[in-house]
PDB file of N, CA and C in Angstrom:
ATOM      1  N   ALA A   1       0.807  -1.255   0.077  1.00  0.00           N
ATOM      2  CA  ALA A   1       0.052   0.034   0.121  1.00  0.00           C
ATOM      3  C   ALA A   1       0.933   1.000  -0.044  1.00  0.00           C
ATOM      4  N   ALA A   2       0.465   2.195  -0.714  1.00  0.00           N
ATOM      5  CA  ALA A   2       1.079   3.432  -0.513  1.00  0.00           C
ATOM      6  C   ALA A   2       1.127   4.235   0.696  1.00  0.00           C
ATOM      7  N   GLY A   3       2.104   4.924   0.907  1.00  0.00           N
ATOM      8  CA  GLY A   3       1.847   5.860   2.459  1.00  0.00           C
ATOM      9  C   GLY A   3       2.590   5.329   3.297  1.00  0.00           C
ATOM     10  N   HIS A   4       2.477   5.711   4.191  1.00  0.00           N
ATOM     11  CA  HIS A   4       3.431   5.440   5.803  1.00  0.00           C
ATOM     12  C   HIS A   4       2.431   4.814   6.553  1.00  0.00           C
ATOM     13  N   GLY A   5       3.372   4.147   7.582  1.00  0.00           N
ATOM     14  CA  GLY A   5       2.326   3.485   8.480  1.00  0.00           C
ATOM     15  C   GLY A   5       3.392   3.341   9.951  1.00  0.00           C
ATOM     16  N   LEU A   6       2.812   2.609  11.177  1.00  0.00           N
ATOM     17  CA  LEU A   6       3.448   2.031  12.193  1.00  0.00           C
ATOM     18  C   LEU A   6       2.754   0.741  12.162  1.00  0.00           C
ATOM     19  N   ALA A   7       4.236  -0.080  12.815  1.00  0.00           N
ATOM     20  CA  ALA A   7       3.656  -1.554  13.025  1.00  0.00           C
ATOM     21  C   ALA A   7       4.235  -2.463  14.116  1.00  0.00           C
ATOM     22  N   GLY A   8       3.814  -3.160  14.569  1.00  0.00           N
ATOM     23  CA  GLY A   8       4.455  -3.902  15.473  1.00  0.00           C
ATOM     24  C   GLY A   8       4.944  -3.409  16.759  1.00  0.00           C
ATOM     25  N   LEU A   9       4.041  -2.179  17.800  1.00  0.00           N
ATOM     26  CA  LEU A   9       4.548  -1.658  18.958  1.00  0.00           C
ATOM     27  C   LEU A   9       3.418  -1.966  20.046  1.00  0.00           C
ATOM     28  N   THR A  10       4.101  -1.764  21.263  1.00  0.00           N
ATOM     29  CA  THR A  10       3.094  -2.242  22.538  1.00  0.00           C
ATOM     30  C   THR A  10       3.151  -0.676  23.394  1.00  0.00           C
ATOM     31  N   GLY A  11       2.277  -0.298  23.915  1.00  0.00           N
ATOM     32  CA  GLY A  11       2.315   0.209  24.971  1.00  0.00           C
ATOM     33  C   GLY A  11       2.826   1.680  24.804  1.00  0.00           C
ATOM     34  N   GLN A  12       2.632   2.494  23.122  1.00  0.00           N
ATOM     35  CA  GLN A  12       3.562   3.582  23.252  1.00  0.00           C
ATOM     36  C   GLN A  12       1.955   4.618  22.755  1.00  0.00           C
ATOM     37  N   LEU A  13       2.676   5.587  22.978  1.00  0.00           N
ATOM     38  CA  LEU A  13       1.936   7.031  22.517  1.00  0.00           C
ATOM     39  C   LEU A  13       2.846   7.564  20.937  1.00  0.00           C
ATOM     40  N   LEU A  14       1.553   7.211  20.309  1.00  0.00           N
ATOM     41  CA  LEU A  14       2.221   7.652  18.610  1.00  0.00           C
ATOM     42  C   LEU A  14       1.605   8.578  18.367  1.00  0.00           C
ATOM     43  N   VAL A  15       2.438   9.831  17.858  1.00  0.00           N
ATOM     44  CA  VAL A  15       2.000  10.974  17.190  1.00  0.00           C
ATOM     45  C   VAL A  15       2.547  11.485  16.096  1.00  0.00           C
ATOM     46  N   PRO A  16       2.430  11.037  14.702  1.00  0.00           N
ATOM     47  CA  PRO A  16       3.312  11.566  13.703  1.00  0.00           C
ATOM     48  C   PRO A  16       2.993  12.720  13.523  1.00  0.00           C
ATOM     49  N   SER A  17       4.211  13.487  12.985  1.00  0.00           N
ATOM     50  CA  SER A  17       3.828  14.638  12.607  1.00  0.00           C
ATOM     51  C   SER A  17       2.855  14.798  11.220  1.00  0.00           C
ATOM     52  N   ALA A  18       2.133  16.031  10.996  1.00  0.00           N
ATOM     53  CA  ALA A  18       1.295  16.355   9.955  1.00  0.00           C
ATOM     54  C   ALA A  18       2.083  15.882   8.518  1.00  0.00           C
ATOM     55  N   GLN A  19       3.413  16.333   8.538  1.00  0.00           N
ATOM     56  CA  GLN A  19       4.397  16.415   7.655  1.00  0.00           C
ATOM     57  C   GLN A  19       4.347  14.960   7.381  1.00  0.00           C
ATOM     58  N   HIS A  20       4.317  14.167   8.040  1.00  0.00           N
ATOM     59  CA  HIS A  20       4.466  12.790   8.060  1.00  0.00           C
ATOM     60  C   HIS A  20       3.297  12.134   7.278  1.00  0.00           C
ATOM     61  N   LEU A  21       2.505  12.591   7.667  1.00  0.00           N
ATOM     62  CA  LEU A  21       1.207  12.007   7.156  1.00  0.00           C
ATOM     63  C   LEU A  21       0.597  12.675   5.917  1.00  0.00           C
ATOM     64  N   ALA A  22       0.722  14.084   5.574  1.00  0.00           N
ATOM     65  CA  ALA A  22       0.764  14.790   4.424  1.00  0.00           C
ATOM     66  C   ALA A  22      -0.002  14.158   3.270  1.00  0.00           C
ATOM     67  N   GLY A  23      -1.100  14.328   3.828  1.00  0.00           N
ATOM     68  CA  GLY A  23      -2.525  13.542   2.925  1.00  0.00           C
ATOM     69  C   GLY A  23      -2.058  12.377   1.962  1.00  0.00           C
ATOM     70  N   GLN A  24      -1.296  11.701   2.596  1.00  0.00           N
ATOM     71  CA  GLN A  24      -1.095  10.371   2.267  1.00  0.00           C
ATOM     72  C   GLN A  24      -1.906   9.358   2.961  1.00  0.00           C
ATOM     73  N   GLY A  25      -2.155   8.024   2.346  1.00  0.00           N
ATOM     74  CA  GLY A  25      -2.705   6.675   2.815  1.00  0.00           C
ATOM     75  C   GLY A  25      -1.920   6.603   4.342  1.00  0.00           C
ATOM     76  N   PHE A  26      -2.154   6.007   5.131  1.00  0.00           N
ATOM     77  CA  PHE A  26      -1.742   5.489   6.346  1.00  0.00           C
ATOM     78  C   PHE A  26      -1.878   4.294   6.671  1.00  0.00           C
ATOM     79  N   VAL A  27      -1.239   3.162   7.435  1.00  0.00           N
ATOM     80  CA  VAL A  27      -1.499   1.875   7.852  1.00  0.00           C
ATOM     81  C   VAL A  27      -1.316   2.074   9.480  1.00  0.00           C
ATOM     82  N   LEU A  28      -2.021   1.527  10.246  1.00  0.00           N
ATOM     83  CA  LEU A  28      -1.407   0.930  11.322  1.00  0.00           C
ATOM     84  C   LEU A  28      -1.651  -0.764  11.443  1.00  0.00           C
ATOM     85  N   HIS A  29      -0.741  -1.242  11.786  1.00  0.00           N
ATOM     86  CA  HIS A  29      -1.024  -2.733  11.851  1.00  0.00           C
ATOM     87  C   HIS A  29       0.009  -3.431  13.032  1.00  0.00           C
ATOM     88  N   ASN A  30      -0.581  -4.272  13.183  1.00  0.00           N
ATOM     89  CA  ASN A  30      -0.209  -5.255  14.475  1.00  0.00           C
ATOM     90  C   ASN A  30       0.764  -4.554  15.856  1.00  0.00           C
ATOM     91  N   LEU A  31      -0.674  -3.380  16.417  1.00  0.00           N
ATOM     92  CA  LEU A  31      -0.098  -2.691  17.461  1.00  0.00           C
ATOM     93  C   LEU A  31      -1.142  -3.204  18.613  1.00  0.00           C
ATOM     94  N   SER A  32      -0.557  -3.084  20.032  1.00  0.00           N
ATOM     95  CA  SER A  32      -1.411  -3.486  21.351  1.00  0.00           C
ATOM     96  C   SER A  32      -1.199  -2.427  22.267  1.00  0.00           C
ATOM     97  N   ASP A  33      -2.373  -1.857  22.860  1.00  0.00           N
ATOM     98  CA  ASP A  33      -2.281  -1.060  23.695  1.00  0.00           C
ATOM     99  C   ASP A  33      -1.517   0.245  23.427  1.00  0.00           C
ATOM    100  N   CYS A  34      -1.698   0.610  22.385  1.00  0.00           N
ATOM    101  CA  CYS A  34      -1.141   2.050  21.896  1.00  0.00           C
ATOM    102  C   CYS A  34      -2.378   3.367  21.681  1.00  0.00           C
ATOM    103  N   ASP A  35      -1.858   4.411  22.011  1.00  0.00           N
ATOM    104  CA  ASP A  35      -2.639   5.565  21.761  1.00  0.00           C
ATOM    105  C   ASP A  35      -1.917   6.235  20.542  1.00  0.00           C
ATOM    106  N   ILE A  36      -3.096   6.389  19.623  1.00  0.00           N
ATOM    107  CA  ILE A  36      -2.301   6.726  18.243  1.00  0.00           C
ATOM    108  C   ILE A  36      -3.159   7.810  17.560  1.00  0.00           C
ATOM    109  N   PHE A  37      -2.536   9.048  17.641  1.00  0.00           N
ATOM    110  CA  PHE A  37      -2.998  10.429  17.275  1.00  0.00           C
ATOM    111  C   PHE A  37      -2.444  10.787  15.730  1.00  0.00           C
ATOM    112  N   LEU A  38      -3.377  10.597  14.663  1.00  0.00           N
ATOM    113  CA  LEU A  38      -3.021  11.189  13.627  1.00  0.00           C
ATOM    114  C   LEU A  38      -3.817  12.579  12.718  1.00  0.00           C
ATOM    115  N   LEU A  39      -3.224  13.401  13.399  1.00  0.00           N
ATOM    116  CA  LEU A  39      -3.598  14.842  13.206  1.00  0.00           C
ATOM    117  C   LEU A  39      -3.512  15.528  12.258  1.00  0.00           C
ATOM    118  N   GLY A  40      -2.993  15.053  11.181  1.00  0.00           N
ATOM    119  CA  GLY A  40      -3.438  15.732   9.549  1.00  0.00           C
ATOM    120  C   GLY A  40      -4.282  14.886   8.626  1.00  0.00           C
ATOM    121  N   GLN A  41      -4.595  15.282   7.339  1.00  0.00           N
ATOM    122  CA  GLN A  41      -5.395  14.917   6.678  1.00  0.00           C
ATOM    123  C   GLN A  41      -4.794  13.793   6.137  1.00  0.00           C
ATOM    124  N   LEU A  42      -5.437  12.487   5.836  1.00  0.00           N
ATOM    125  CA  LEU A  42      -5.002  11.232   5.410  1.00  0.00           C
ATOM    126  C   LEU A  42      -5.873  11.309   3.929  1.00  0.00           C
ATOM    127  N   SER A  43      -5.079  10.255   3.155  1.00  0.00           N
ATOM    128  CA  SER A  43      -6.134  10.211   1.654  1.00  0.00           C
ATOM    129  C   SER A  43      -6.543   8.757   2.099  1.00  0.00           C
ATOM    130  N   ALA A  44      -6.216   8.193   2.972  1.00  0.00           N
ATOM    131  CA  ALA A  44      -7.181   6.363   3.239  1.00  0.00           C
ATOM    132  C   ALA A  44      -6.013   6.346   4.818  1.00  0.00           C
ATOM    133  N   LEU A  45      -6.970   5.259   5.385  1.00  0.00           N
ATOM    134  CA  LEU A  45      -6.577   4.947   6.457  1.00  0.00           C
ATOM    135  C   LEU A  45      -6.754   3.182   6.578  1.00  0.00           C
ATOM    136  N   ARG A  46      -5.839   2.378   7.029  1.00  0.00           N
ATOM    137  CA  ARG A  46      -5.987   1.216   7.204  1.00  0.00           C
ATOM    138  C   ARG A  46      -5.715   0.522   8.437  1.00  0.00           C
ATOM    139  N   LEU A  47      -6.324   0.191   9.018  1.00  0.00           N
ATOM    140  CA  LEU A  47      -5.901  -0.500  10.616  1.00  0.00           C
ATOM    141  C   LEU A  47      -6.166  -1.961  10.469  1.00  0.00           C
ATOM    142  N   GLN A  48      -4.979  -2.520  10.649  1.00  0.00           N
ATOM    143  CA  GLN A  48      -5.312  -4.031  10.829  1.00  0.00           C
ATOM    144  C   GLN A  48      -4.626  -4.759  12.169  1.00  0.00           C
ATOM    145  N   HIS A  49      -5.261  -5.540  12.851  1.00  0.00           N
ATOM    146  CA  HIS A  49      -4.876  -6.507  13.886  1.00  0.00           C
ATOM    147  C   HIS A  49      -4.579  -5.581  15.036  1.00  0.00           C
ATOM    148  N   LEU A  50      -4.985  -4.637  15.578  1.00  0.00           N
ATOM    149  CA  LEU A  50      -4.963  -3.601  16.339  1.00  0.00           C
ATOM    150  C   LEU A  50      -5.800  -4.194  17.599  1.00  0.00           C
ATOM    151  N   ARG A  51      -4.835  -4.190  18.887  1.00  0.00           N
ATOM    152  CA  ARG A  51      -5.640  -4.439  20.358  1.00  0.00           C
ATOM    153  C   ARG A  51      -5.570  -3.585  21.421  1.00  0.00           C
ATOM    154  N   SER A  52      -6.602  -3.064  21.772  1.00  0.00           N
ATOM    155  CA  SER A  52      -6.883  -2.351  23.004  1.00  0.00           C
ATOM    156  C   SER A  52      -6.067  -1.251  22.437  1.00  0.00           C
ATOM    157  N   CYS A  53      -6.163  -0.601  21.544  1.00  0.00           N
ATOM    158  CA  CYS A  53      -5.711   0.571  21.158  1.00  0.00           C
ATOM    159  C   CYS A  53      -6.758   1.690  20.927  1.00  0.00           C
ATOM    160  N   ARG A  54      -6.105   3.117  20.826  1.00  0.00           N
ATOM    161  CA  ARG A  54      -7.013   4.010  21.172  1.00  0.00           C
ATOM    162  C   ARG A  54      -6.718   4.717  19.720  1.00  0.00           C
ATOM    163  N   VAL A  55      -7.421   4.934  18.762  1.00  0.00           N
ATOM    164  CA  VAL A  55      -6.836   5.879  17.485  1.00  0.00           C
ATOM    165  C   VAL A  55      -7.962   6.834  17.413  1.00  0.00           C
ATOM    166  N   TYR A  56      -7.268   8.008  17.324  1.00  0.00           N
ATOM    167  CA  TYR A  56      -7.732   9.482  16.965  1.00  0.00           C
ATOM    168  C   TYR A  56      -7.538   9.711  15.668  1.00  0.00           C
ATOM    169  N   THR A  57      -8.231  10.033  14.569  1.00  0.00           N
ATOM    170  CA  THR A  57      -7.809  10.840  13.260  1.00  0.00           C
ATOM    171  C   THR A  57      -8.098  12.406  13.324  1.00  0.00           C
ATOM    172  N   GLY A  58      -7.761  12.944  12.058  1.00  0.00           N
ATOM    173  CA  GLY A  58      -8.209  14.158  11.944  1.00  0.00           C
ATOM    174  C   GLY A  58      -9.180  13.660  10.396  1.00  0.00           C
ATOM    175  N   PRO A  59      -9.279  14.456   9.566  1.00  0.00           N
ATOM    176  CA  PRO A  59     -10.271  13.839   8.263  1.00  0.00           C
ATOM    177  C   PRO A  59      -9.413  12.880   7.248  1.00  0.00           C
ATOM    178  N   VAL A  60     -10.282  12.035   6.894  1.00  0.00           N
ATOM    179  CA  VAL A  60      -9.644  10.896   6.042  1.00  0.00           C
ATOM    180  C   VAL A  60     -10.710  11.457   4.815  1.00  0.00           C
ATOM    181  N   VAL A  61     -10.287  11.610   3.932  1.00  0.00           N
ATOM    182  CA  VAL A  61     -10.574  11.987   2.349  1.00  0.00           C
ATOM    183  C   VAL A  61     -11.006  10.961   1.676  1.00  0.00           C
ATOM    184  N   GLY A  62     -10.319   9.264   2.021  1.00  0.00           N
ATOM    185  CA  GLY A  62     -10.869   8.287   1.339  1.00  0.00           C
ATOM    186  C   GLY A  62     -11.610   7.438   1.938  1.00  0.00           C
ATOM    187  N   ALA A  63     -11.023   6.280   1.771  1.00  0.00           N
ATOM    188  CA  ALA A  63     -11.687   4.903   2.676  1.00  0.00           C
ATOM    189  C   ALA A  63     -10.801   4.763   3.845  1.00  0.00           C
ATOM    190  N   THR A  64     -11.642   4.057   5.009  1.00  0.00           N
ATOM    191  CA  THR A  64     -10.783   3.623   6.089  1.00  0.00           C
ATOM    192  C   THR A  64     -11.197   2.037   6.193  1.00  0.00           C
ATOM    193  N   PHE A  65     -10.087   1.512   6.024  1.00  0.00           N
ATOM    194  CA  PHE A  65     -10.719  -0.201   6.267  1.00  0.00           C
ATOM    195  C   PHE A  65     -10.042  -0.561   7.621  1.00  0.00           C
ATOM    196  N   VAL A  66     -10.869  -1.538   8.287  1.00  0.00           N
ATOM    197  CA  VAL A  66     -10.802  -1.891   9.368  1.00  0.00           C
ATOM    198  C   VAL A  66     -11.075  -3.390   9.757  1.00  0.00           C
ATOM    199  N   ASP A  67      -9.886  -4.325   9.910  1.00  0.00           N
ATOM    200  CA  ASP A  67      -9.909  -5.747   9.763  1.00  0.00           C
ATOM    201  C   ASP A  67      -9.096  -6.112  11.463  1.00  0.00           C
ATOM    202  N   GLY A  68      -9.628  -6.982  11.796  1.00  0.00           N
ATOM    203  CA  GLY A  68      -8.697  -8.069  12.976  1.00  0.00           C
ATOM    204  C   GLY A  68      -8.315  -7.023  14.152  1.00  0.00           C
ATOM    205  N   CYS A  69      -9.164  -5.962  14.496  1.00  0.00           N
ATOM    206  CA  CYS A  69      -9.043  -5.230  15.811  1.00  0.00           C
ATOM    207  C   CYS A  69     -10.035  -5.840  16.643  1.00  0.00           C
ATOM    208  N   SER A  70      -9.617  -5.624  17.826  1.00  0.00           N
ATOM    209  CA  SER A  70     -10.209  -6.117  19.146  1.00  0.00           C
ATOM    210  C   SER A  70     -10.069  -5.142  20.295  1.00  0.00           C
ATOM    211  N   SER A  71     -11.226  -4.522  20.816  1.00  0.00           N
ATOM    212  CA  SER A  71     -11.386  -3.800  22.335  1.00  0.00           C
ATOM    213  C   SER A  71     -10.530  -2.488  22.129  1.00  0.00           C
ATOM    214  N   CYS A  72     -11.143  -1.816  20.494  1.00  0.00           N
ATOM    215  CA  CYS A  72     -10.529  -0.387  20.451  1.00  0.00           C
ATOM    216  C   CYS A  72     -11.227   0.731  20.284  1.00  0.00           C
ATOM    217  N   THR A  73     -10.782   1.489  20.673  1.00  0.00           N
ATOM    218  CA  THR A  73     -11.586   2.992  20.783  1.00  0.00           C
ATOM    219  C   THR A  73     -11.120   3.668  19.224  1.00  0.00           C
ATOM    220  N   LEU A  74     -11.960   3.946  18.405  1.00  0.00           N
ATOM    221  CA  LEU A  74     -11.493   4.517  16.827  1.00  0.00           C
ATOM    222  C   LEU A  74     -12.458   6.008  17.101  1.00  0.00           C
ATOM    223  N   MET A  75     -11.952   6.812  16.871  1.00  0.00           N
ATOM    224  CA  MET A  75     -12.564   8.116  16.695  1.00  0.00           C
ATOM    225  C   MET A  75     -12.213   8.667  15.256  1.00  0.00           C
ATOM    226  N   LEU A  76     -12.976   8.781  14.358  1.00  0.00           N
ATOM    227  CA  LEU A  76     -12.170   8.634  12.691  1.00  0.00           C
ATOM    228  C   LEU A  76     -13.411  10.067  12.448  1.00  0.00           C
TER     229      LEU A  76
END
């Protein structure tokens, strides 16, 4: 998938810069007990295999795909 992402982290506070997001697609994969703040505009968002995470995003212009996530709070 085009764009950037975060993967394989546990118990982290993750706040990528708006320049890092830069209107691209973004992928969150295999995260556990993380707080993720995506504070820029995204062209698309893919959430895969998240466990007990809290995800907060700004506007997502295109599609948001969620697969295999459990016990998460999503504010999209």
